[in-house]
């Protein structure tokens, strides 16, 4: 299905194609990317439930950590980074 206007988003300094109406997770999966974050134990995580309940797809989006990419629309110029939970201070969440 080829619907929606194409644009680029940036993930860890790599530009990938996205389409209007897609979530960030959909765009990443369509580009073959499966690892969205790493746990404190360095285990890879990606999309699990796809409906915003499990929080496995969290990434840093435009400088904001813990964004659920399965619920967040891809937008032109969006900058996304793999989230490394070991490097984050999660004590104040």
PDB file of N, CA and C in Angstrom:
ATOM      1  N   UNK A   1       0.850  -1.179   0.000  1.00  0.00           N
ATOM      2  CA  UNK A   1       0.000   0.000   0.000  1.00  0.00           C
ATOM      3  C   UNK A   1       0.885   1.227   0.000  1.00  0.00           C
ATOM      4  N   UNK A   2       0.732   2.081  -0.970  1.00  0.00           N
ATOM      5  CA  UNK A   2       1.565   3.263  -1.120  1.00  0.00           C
ATOM      6  C   UNK A   2       0.717   4.507  -0.887  1.00  0.00           C
ATOM      7  N   UNK A   3       0.492   4.827   0.392  1.00  0.00           N
ATOM      8  CA  UNK A   3      -0.323   6.001   0.696  1.00  0.00           C
ATOM      9  C   UNK A   3       0.449   6.946   1.604  1.00  0.00           C
ATOM     10  N   UNK A   4       0.133   8.185   1.542  1.00  0.00           N
ATOM     11  CA  UNK A   4       0.755   9.172   2.409  1.00  0.00           C
ATOM     12  C   UNK A   4       1.995   9.789   1.800  1.00  0.00           C
ATOM     13  N   UNK A   5       2.164  11.070   2.085  1.00  0.00           N
ATOM     14  CA  UNK A   5       3.308  11.819   1.593  1.00  0.00           C
ATOM     15  C   UNK A   5       4.588  11.328   2.265  1.00  0.00           C
ATOM     16  N   UNK A   6       5.657  11.195   1.501  1.00  0.00           N
ATOM     17  CA  UNK A   6       6.942  10.719   2.017  1.00  0.00           C
ATOM     18  C   UNK A   6       7.763  11.879   2.571  1.00  0.00           C
ATOM     19  N   UNK A   7       8.530  11.588   3.623  1.00  0.00           N
ATOM     20  CA  UNK A   7       9.491  12.533   4.180  1.00  0.00           C
ATOM     21  C   UNK A   7      10.546  11.729   4.925  1.00  0.00           C
ATOM     22  N   UNK A   8      11.543  12.411   5.464  1.00  0.00           N
ATOM     23  CA  UNK A   8      12.610  11.713   6.181  1.00  0.00           C
ATOM     24  C   UNK A   8      12.573  12.031   7.662  1.00  0.00           C
ATOM     25  N   UNK A   9      12.960  11.024   8.443  1.00  0.00           N
ATOM     26  CA  UNK A   9      13.213  11.230   9.867  1.00  0.00           C
ATOM     27  C   UNK A   9      14.619  10.709  10.131  1.00  0.00           C
ATOM     28  N   UNK A  10      15.194  11.136  11.239  1.00  0.00           N
ATOM     29  CA  UNK A  10      16.566  10.745  11.546  1.00  0.00           C
ATOM     30  C   UNK A  10      16.587   9.874  12.787  1.00  0.00           C
ATOM     31  N   UNK A  11      17.242   8.725  12.672  1.00  0.00           N
ATOM     32  CA  UNK A  11      17.388   7.799  13.794  1.00  0.00           C
ATOM     33  C   UNK A  11      18.877   7.528  13.972  1.00  0.00           C
ATOM     34  N   UNK A  12      19.410   7.939  15.095  1.00  0.00           N
ATOM     35  CA  UNK A  12      20.845   7.745  15.373  1.00  0.00           C
ATOM     36  C   UNK A  12      21.718   8.169  14.195  1.00  0.00           C
ATOM     37  N   UNK A  13      21.474   9.354  13.675  1.00  0.00           N
ATOM     38  CA  UNK A  13      22.241   9.955  12.561  1.00  0.00           C
ATOM     39  C   UNK A  13      22.067   9.254  11.219  1.00  0.00           C
ATOM     40  N   UNK A  14      21.061   8.387  11.103  1.00  0.00           N
ATOM     41  CA  UNK A  14      20.737   7.750   9.826  1.00  0.00           C
ATOM     42  C   UNK A  14      19.374   8.274   9.392  1.00  0.00           C
ATOM     43  N   UNK A  15      19.251   8.655   8.151  1.00  0.00           N
ATOM     44  CA  UNK A  15      17.972   9.137   7.639  1.00  0.00           C
ATOM     45  C   UNK A  15      17.191   7.965   7.039  1.00  0.00           C
ATOM     46  N   UNK A  16      15.922   7.875   7.428  1.00  0.00           N
ATOM     47  CA  UNK A  16      15.052   6.829   6.882  1.00  0.00           C
ATOM     48  C   UNK A  16      13.769   7.462   6.357  1.00  0.00           C
ATOM     49  N   UNK A  17      13.109   6.742   5.486  1.00  0.00           N
ATOM     50  CA  UNK A  17      11.853   7.214   4.912  1.00  0.00           C
ATOM     51  C   UNK A  17      10.712   6.980   5.888  1.00  0.00           C
ATOM     52  N   UNK A  18       9.795   7.915   5.904  1.00  0.00           N
ATOM     53  CA  UNK A  18       8.562   7.788   6.675  1.00  0.00           C
ATOM     54  C   UNK A  18       7.437   8.324   5.804  1.00  0.00           C
ATOM     55  N   UNK A  19       6.212   8.023   6.214  1.00  0.00           N
ATOM     56  CA  UNK A  19       5.039   8.498   5.475  1.00  0.00           C
ATOM     57  C   UNK A  19       4.071   9.174   6.434  1.00  0.00           C
ATOM     58  N   UNK A  20       3.386  10.156   5.926  1.00  0.00           N
ATOM     59  CA  UNK A  20       2.367  10.829   6.716  1.00  0.00           C
ATOM     60  C   UNK A  20       1.354   9.794   7.191  1.00  0.00           C
ATOM     61  N   UNK A  21       1.028   9.816   8.479  1.00  0.00           N
ATOM     62  CA  UNK A  21       0.075   8.872   9.049  1.00  0.00           C
ATOM     63  C   UNK A  21       0.728   7.692   9.748  1.00  0.00           C
ATOM     64  N   UNK A  22       2.024   7.491   9.542  1.00  0.00           N
ATOM     65  CA  UNK A  22       2.728   6.400  10.215  1.00  0.00           C
ATOM     66  C   UNK A  22       3.185   6.836  11.604  1.00  0.00           C
ATOM     67  N   UNK A  23       3.272   5.872  12.501  1.00  0.00           N
ATOM     68  CA  UNK A  23       3.931   6.147  13.772  1.00  0.00           C
ATOM     69  C   UNK A  23       5.438   6.009  13.548  1.00  0.00           C
ATOM     70  N   UNK A  24       6.205   6.491  14.520  1.00  0.00           N
ATOM     71  CA  UNK A  24       7.655   6.334  14.441  1.00  0.00           C
ATOM     72  C   UNK A  24       8.006   4.857  14.376  1.00  0.00           C
ATOM     73  N   UNK A  25       7.363   4.040  15.215  1.00  0.00           N
ATOM     74  CA  UNK A  25       7.646   2.604  15.227  1.00  0.00           C
ATOM     75  C   UNK A  25       7.380   1.976  13.860  1.00  0.00           C
ATOM     76  N   UNK A  26       6.290   2.328  13.214  1.00  0.00           N
ATOM     77  CA  UNK A  26       5.992   1.790  11.885  1.00  0.00           C
ATOM     78  C   UNK A  26       7.087   2.155  10.889  1.00  0.00           C
ATOM     79  N   UNK A  27       7.549   3.393  10.953  1.00  0.00           N
ATOM     80  CA  UNK A  27       8.602   3.843  10.041  1.00  0.00           C
ATOM     81  C   UNK A  27       9.899   3.078  10.271  1.00  0.00           C
ATOM     82  N   UNK A  28      10.249   2.869  11.544  1.00  0.00           N
ATOM     83  CA  UNK A  28      11.471   2.150  11.863  1.00  0.00           C
ATOM     84  C   UNK A  28      11.375   0.687  11.421  1.00  0.00           C
ATOM     85  N   UNK A  29      10.254   0.051  11.709  1.00  0.00           N
ATOM     86  CA  UNK A  29      10.069  -1.345  11.308  1.00  0.00           C
ATOM     87  C   UNK A  29      10.106  -1.495   9.790  1.00  0.00           C
ATOM     88  N   UNK A  30       9.483  -0.568   9.071  1.00  0.00           N
ATOM     89  CA  UNK A  30       9.480  -0.617   7.604  1.00  0.00           C
ATOM     90  C   UNK A  30      10.888  -0.456   7.037  1.00  0.00           C
ATOM     91  N   UNK A  31      11.776   0.187   7.799  1.00  0.00           N
ATOM     92  CA  UNK A  31      13.165   0.365   7.370  1.00  0.00           C
ATOM     93  C   UNK A  31      14.072  -0.767   7.846  1.00  0.00           C
ATOM     94  N   UNK A  32      13.495  -1.765   8.503  1.00  0.00           N
ATOM     95  CA  UNK A  32      14.266  -2.913   8.948  1.00  0.00           C
ATOM     96  C   UNK A  32      14.901  -2.763  10.317  1.00  0.00           C
ATOM     97  N   UNK A  33      14.587  -1.684  11.025  1.00  0.00           N
ATOM     98  CA  UNK A  33      15.142  -1.477  12.366  1.00  0.00           C
ATOM     99  C   UNK A  33      14.254  -2.151  13.401  1.00  0.00           C
ATOM    100  N   UNK A  34      14.841  -2.952  14.269  1.00  0.00           N
ATOM    101  CA  UNK A  34      14.068  -3.714  15.245  1.00  0.00           C
ATOM    102  C   UNK A  34      14.410  -3.386  16.687  1.00  0.00           C
ATOM    103  N   UNK A  35      15.610  -2.875  16.961  1.00  0.00           N
ATOM    104  CA  UNK A  35      16.022  -2.558  18.331  1.00  0.00           C
ATOM    105  C   UNK A  35      15.831  -1.061  18.567  1.00  0.00           C
ATOM    106  N   UNK A  36      14.954  -0.730  19.516  1.00  0.00           N
ATOM    107  CA  UNK A  36      14.620   0.661  19.799  1.00  0.00           C
ATOM    108  C   UNK A  36      15.300   1.172  21.055  1.00  0.00           C
ATOM    109  N   UNK A  37      15.567   0.279  21.977  1.00  0.00           N
ATOM    110  CA  UNK A  37      16.245   0.667  23.209  1.00  0.00           C
ATOM    111  C   UNK A  37      16.971  -0.530  23.780  1.00  0.00           C
ATOM    112  N   UNK A  38      17.798  -0.270  24.794  1.00  0.00           N
ATOM    113  CA  UNK A  38      18.522  -1.317  25.509  1.00  0.00           C
ATOM    114  C   UNK A  38      18.254  -1.140  26.996  1.00  0.00           C
ATOM    115  N   UNK A  39      17.995  -2.245  27.679  1.00  0.00           N
ATOM    116  CA  UNK A  39      17.712  -2.203  29.112  1.00  0.00           C
ATOM    117  C   UNK A  39      18.991  -1.931  29.895  1.00  0.00           C
ATOM    118  N   UNK A  40      18.858  -1.795  31.191  1.00  0.00           N
ATOM    119  CA  UNK A  40      20.028  -1.610  32.050  1.00  0.00           C
ATOM    120  C   UNK A  40      20.989  -2.787  31.930  1.00  0.00           C
ATOM    121  N   UNK A  41      20.469  -3.963  31.586  1.00  0.00           N
ATOM    122  CA  UNK A  41      21.296  -5.158  31.395  1.00  0.00           C
ATOM    123  C   UNK A  41      21.756  -5.296  29.939  1.00  0.00           C
ATOM    124  N   UNK A  42      21.514  -4.270  29.134  1.00  0.00           N
ATOM    125  CA  UNK A  42      21.900  -4.194  27.725  1.00  0.00           C
ATOM    126  C   UNK A  42      21.111  -5.149  26.822  1.00  0.00           C
ATOM    127  N   UNK A  43      19.951  -5.610  27.271  1.00  0.00           N
ATOM    128  CA  UNK A  43      19.100  -6.469  26.444  1.00  0.00           C
ATOM    129  C   UNK A  43      18.347  -5.612  25.420  1.00  0.00           C
ATOM    130  N   UNK A  44      18.274  -6.060  24.164  1.00  0.00           N
ATOM    131  CA  UNK A  44      17.571  -5.283  23.145  1.00  0.00           C
ATOM    132  C   UNK A  44      16.058  -5.327  23.341  1.00  0.00           C
ATOM    133  N   UNK A  45      15.411  -4.214  23.046  1.00  0.00           N
ATOM    134  CA  UNK A  45      13.954  -4.129  23.119  1.00  0.00           C
ATOM    135  C   UNK A  45      13.444  -3.396  21.883  1.00  0.00           C
ATOM    136  N   UNK A  46      12.234  -3.763  21.474  1.00  0.00           N
ATOM    137  CA  UNK A  46      11.591  -3.125  20.329  1.00  0.00           C
ATOM    138  C   UNK A  46      10.095  -3.132  20.547  1.00  0.00           C
ATOM    139  N   UNK A  47       9.348  -3.137  19.459  1.00  0.00           N
ATOM    140  CA  UNK A  47       7.891  -3.142  19.562  1.00  0.00           C
ATOM    141  C   UNK A  47       7.441  -4.498  20.095  1.00  0.00           C
ATOM    142  N   UNK A  48       6.575  -4.465  21.083  1.00  0.00           N
ATOM    143  CA  UNK A  48       6.017  -5.703  21.633  1.00  0.00           C
ATOM    144  C   UNK A  48       4.497  -5.697  21.449  1.00  0.00           C
ATOM    145  N   UNK A  49       3.811  -4.778  22.140  1.00  0.00           N
ATOM    146  CA  UNK A  49       2.347  -4.778  22.040  1.00  0.00           C
ATOM    147  C   UNK A  49       1.847  -3.910  20.883  1.00  0.00           C
ATOM    148  N   UNK A  50       2.564  -2.839  20.588  1.00  0.00           N
ATOM    149  CA  UNK A  50       2.181  -1.956  19.491  1.00  0.00           C
ATOM    150  C   UNK A  50       0.986  -1.062  19.776  1.00  0.00           C
ATOM    151  N   UNK A  51       0.490  -1.048  21.026  1.00  0.00           N
ATOM    152  CA  UNK A  51      -0.666  -0.210  21.361  1.00  0.00           C
ATOM    153  C   UNK A  51      -0.424   0.666  22.595  1.00  0.00           C
ATOM    154  N   UNK A  52       0.839   0.835  22.971  1.00  0.00           N
ATOM    155  CA  UNK A  52       1.176   1.769  24.037  1.00  0.00           C
ATOM    156  C   UNK A  52       1.048   1.267  25.457  1.00  0.00           C
ATOM    157  N   UNK A  53       0.839  -0.027  25.648  1.00  0.00           N
ATOM    158  CA  UNK A  53       0.652  -0.546  27.002  1.00  0.00           C
ATOM    159  C   UNK A  53       1.967  -1.004  27.630  1.00  0.00           C
ATOM    160  N   UNK A  54       2.854  -1.607  26.857  1.00  0.00           N
ATOM    161  CA  UNK A  54       4.027  -2.265  27.445  1.00  0.00           C
ATOM    162  C   UNK A  54       5.253  -1.355  27.611  1.00  0.00           C
ATOM    163  N   UNK A  55       5.349  -0.256  26.919  1.00  0.00           N
ATOM    164  CA  UNK A  55       6.472   0.685  27.011  1.00  0.00           C
ATOM    165  C   UNK A  55       7.802   0.115  26.500  1.00  0.00           C
ATOM    166  N   UNK A  56       7.787  -0.998  25.780  1.00  0.00           N
ATOM    167  CA  UNK A  56       9.032  -1.585  25.262  1.00  0.00           C
ATOM    168  C   UNK A  56       9.631  -0.771  24.124  1.00  0.00           C
ATOM    169  N   UNK A  57       8.832  -0.001  23.422  1.00  0.00           N
ATOM    170  CA  UNK A  57       9.297   0.735  22.245  1.00  0.00           C
ATOM    171  C   UNK A  57       9.779   2.148  22.568  1.00  0.00           C
ATOM    172  N   UNK A  58      10.074   2.408  23.832  1.00  0.00           N
ATOM    173  CA  UNK A  58      10.505   3.754  24.232  1.00  0.00           C
ATOM    174  C   UNK A  58      11.817   4.146  23.562  1.00  0.00           C
ATOM    175  N   UNK A  59      11.854   5.403  23.111  1.00  0.00           N
ATOM    176  CA  UNK A  59      13.061   5.969  22.513  1.00  0.00           C
ATOM    177  C   UNK A  59      13.151   7.437  22.920  1.00  0.00           C
ATOM    178  N   UNK A  60      14.267   8.054  22.568  1.00  0.00           N
ATOM    179  CA  UNK A  60      14.430   9.484  22.787  1.00  0.00           C
ATOM    180  C   UNK A  60      13.994  10.173  21.498  1.00  0.00           C
ATOM    181  N   UNK A  61      12.954  11.001  21.583  1.00  0.00           N
ATOM    182  CA  UNK A  61      12.402  11.675  20.409  1.00  0.00           C
ATOM    183  C   UNK A  61      12.516  13.182  20.621  1.00  0.00           C
ATOM    184  N   UNK A  62      13.259  13.824  19.727  1.00  0.00           N
ATOM    185  CA  UNK A  62      13.498  15.269  19.814  1.00  0.00           C
ATOM    186  C   UNK A  62      13.985  15.673  21.208  1.00  0.00           C
ATOM    187  N   UNK A  63      14.876  14.848  21.769  1.00  0.00           N
ATOM    188  CA  UNK A  63      15.480  15.141  23.067  1.00  0.00           C
ATOM    189  C   UNK A  63      14.673  14.713  24.274  1.00  0.00           C
ATOM    190  N   UNK A  64      13.493  14.175  24.071  1.00  0.00           N
ATOM    191  CA  UNK A  64      12.622  13.752  25.175  1.00  0.00           C
ATOM    192  C   UNK A  64      12.712  12.236  25.334  1.00  0.00           C
ATOM    193  N   UNK A  65      13.192  11.737  26.496  1.00  0.00           N
ATOM    194  CA  UNK A  65      13.302  10.290  26.699  1.00  0.00           C
ATOM    195  C   UNK A  65      11.954   9.640  27.003  1.00  0.00           C
ATOM    196  N   UNK A  66      11.912   8.334  26.885  1.00  0.00           N
ATOM    197  CA  UNK A  66      10.755   7.507  27.249  1.00  0.00           C
ATOM    198  C   UNK A  66       9.507   7.771  26.419  1.00  0.00           C
ATOM    199  N   UNK A  67       9.686   8.142  25.165  1.00  0.00           N
ATOM    200  CA  UNK A  67       8.552   8.366  24.260  1.00  0.00           C
ATOM    201  C   UNK A  67       8.153   7.021  23.657  1.00  0.00           C
ATOM    202  N   UNK A  68       6.881   6.669  23.774  1.00  0.00           N
ATOM    203  CA  UNK A  68       6.380   5.425  23.183  1.00  0.00           C
ATOM    204  C   UNK A  68       6.219   5.637  21.676  1.00  0.00           C
ATOM    205  N   UNK A  69       7.110   5.030  20.911  1.00  0.00           N
ATOM    206  CA  UNK A  69       7.122   5.275  19.470  1.00  0.00           C
ATOM    207  C   UNK A  69       5.956   4.628  18.736  1.00  0.00           C
ATOM    208  N   UNK A  70       5.311   3.651  19.355  1.00  0.00           N
ATOM    209  CA  UNK A  70       4.150   3.026  18.710  1.00  0.00           C
ATOM    210  C   UNK A  70       2.928   3.940  18.771  1.00  0.00           C
ATOM    211  N   UNK A  71       3.002   4.973  19.606  1.00  0.00           N
ATOM    212  CA  UNK A  71       1.875   5.899  19.772  1.00  0.00           C
ATOM    213  C   UNK A  71       2.173   7.294  19.212  1.00  0.00           C
ATOM    214  N   UNK A  72       3.408   7.523  18.776  1.00  0.00           N
ATOM    215  CA  UNK A  72       3.848   8.856  18.371  1.00  0.00           C
ATOM    216  C   UNK A  72       3.962   8.948  16.858  1.00  0.00           C
ATOM    217  N   UNK A  73       3.232   9.882  16.242  1.00  0.00           N
ATOM    218  CA  UNK A  73       3.303  10.023  14.790  1.00  0.00           C
ATOM    219  C   UNK A  73       4.693  10.469  14.327  1.00  0.00           C
ATOM    220  N   UNK A  74       5.134   9.906  13.219  1.00  0.00           N
ATOM    221  CA  UNK A  74       6.360  10.375  12.572  1.00  0.00           C
ATOM    222  C   UNK A  74       6.062  11.730  11.951  1.00  0.00           C
ATOM    223  N   UNK A  75       6.994  12.665  12.115  1.00  0.00           N
ATOM    224  CA  UNK A  75       6.825  14.004  11.557  1.00  0.00           C
ATOM    225  C   UNK A  75       8.105  14.410  10.839  1.00  0.00           C
ATOM    226  N   UNK A  76       7.982  15.205   9.780  1.00  0.00           N
ATOM    227  CA  UNK A  76       9.184  15.635   9.067  1.00  0.00           C
ATOM    228  C   UNK A  76      10.188  16.292  10.022  1.00  0.00           C
ATOM    229  N   UNK A  77      11.460  15.907   9.868  1.00  0.00           N
ATOM    230  CA  UNK A  77      12.516  16.490  10.688  1.00  0.00           C
ATOM    231  C   UNK A  77      12.667  15.897  12.074  1.00  0.00           C
ATOM    232  N   UNK A  78      11.879  14.905  12.400  1.00  0.00           N
ATOM    233  CA  UNK A  78      11.920  14.258  13.711  1.00  0.00           C
ATOM    234  C   UNK A  78      13.303  13.639  13.927  1.00  0.00           C
ATOM    235  N   UNK A  79      13.868  13.823  15.125  1.00  0.00           N
ATOM    236  CA  UNK A  79      15.162  13.236  15.462  1.00  0.00           C
ATOM    237  C   UNK A  79      14.982  12.244  16.603  1.00  0.00           C
ATOM    238  N   UNK A  80      15.348  10.997  16.328  1.00  0.00           N
ATOM    239  CA  UNK A  80      15.120   9.897  17.258  1.00  0.00           C
ATOM    240  C   UNK A  80      16.457   9.259  17.600  1.00  0.00           C
ATOM    241  N   UNK A  81      16.598   8.848  18.858  1.00  0.00           N
ATOM    242  CA  UNK A  81      17.814   8.164  19.297  1.00  0.00           C
ATOM    243  C   UNK A  81      17.442   6.892  20.035  1.00  0.00           C
ATOM    244  N   UNK A  82      18.280   5.866  19.863  1.00  0.00           N
ATOM    245  CA  UNK A  82      18.133   4.654  20.653  1.00  0.00           C
ATOM    246  C   UNK A  82      18.282   5.032  22.118  1.00  0.00           C
ATOM    247  N   UNK A  83      17.444   4.487  22.952  1.00  0.00           N
ATOM    248  CA  UNK A  83      17.496   4.791  24.388  1.00  0.00           C
ATOM    249  C   UNK A  83      18.285   3.701  25.102  1.00  0.00           C
ATOM    250  N   UNK A  84      19.244   4.121  25.905  1.00  0.00           N
ATOM    251  CA  UNK A  84      20.051   3.211  26.715  1.00  0.00           C
ATOM    252  C   UNK A  84      19.667   3.451  28.166  1.00  0.00           C
ATOM    253  N   UNK A  85      18.848   2.563  28.719  1.00  0.00           N
ATOM    254  CA  UNK A  85      18.308   2.764  30.064  1.00  0.00           C
ATOM    255  C   UNK A  85      19.381   2.839  31.130  1.00  0.00           C
ATOM    256  N   UNK A  86      20.524   2.153  30.945  1.00  0.00           N
ATOM    257  CA  UNK A  86      21.600   2.182  31.942  1.00  0.00           C
ATOM    258  C   UNK A  86      22.182   3.586  32.069  1.00  0.00           C
ATOM    259  N   UNK A  87      22.103   4.374  31.016  1.00  0.00           N
ATOM    260  CA  UNK A  87      22.665   5.718  31.032  1.00  0.00           C
ATOM    261  C   UNK A  87      21.679   6.755  31.564  1.00  0.00           C
ATOM    262  N   UNK A  88      20.452   6.342  31.841  1.00  0.00           N
ATOM    263  CA  UNK A  88      19.418   7.281  32.262  1.00  0.00           C
ATOM    264  C   UNK A  88      19.174   7.193  33.759  1.00  0.00           C
ATOM    265  N   UNK A  89      18.860   8.325  34.354  1.00  0.00           N
ATOM    266  CA  UNK A  89      18.482   8.355  35.765  1.00  0.00           C
ATOM    267  C   UNK A  89      16.977   8.142  35.836  1.00  0.00           C
ATOM    268  N   UNK A  90      16.569   6.940  36.158  1.00  0.00           N
ATOM    269  CA  UNK A  90      15.141   6.599  36.198  1.00  0.00           C
ATOM    270  C   UNK A  90      14.586   6.669  37.614  1.00  0.00           C
ATOM    271  N   UNK A  91      15.317   7.229  38.549  1.00  0.00           N
ATOM    272  CA  UNK A  91      14.878   7.245  39.942  1.00  0.00           C
ATOM    273  C   UNK A  91      13.767   8.258  40.194  1.00  0.00           C
ATOM    274  N   UNK A  92      13.609   9.230  39.309  1.00  0.00           N
ATOM    275  CA  UNK A  92      12.601  10.277  39.520  1.00  0.00           C
ATOM    276  C   UNK A  92      11.358  10.090  38.673  1.00  0.00           C
ATOM    277  N   UNK A  93      11.164   8.928  38.101  1.00  0.00           N
ATOM    278  CA  UNK A  93       9.976   8.709  37.250  1.00  0.00           C
ATOM    279  C   UNK A  93       8.761   8.369  38.070  1.00  0.00           C
TER     280      UNK A  93
END
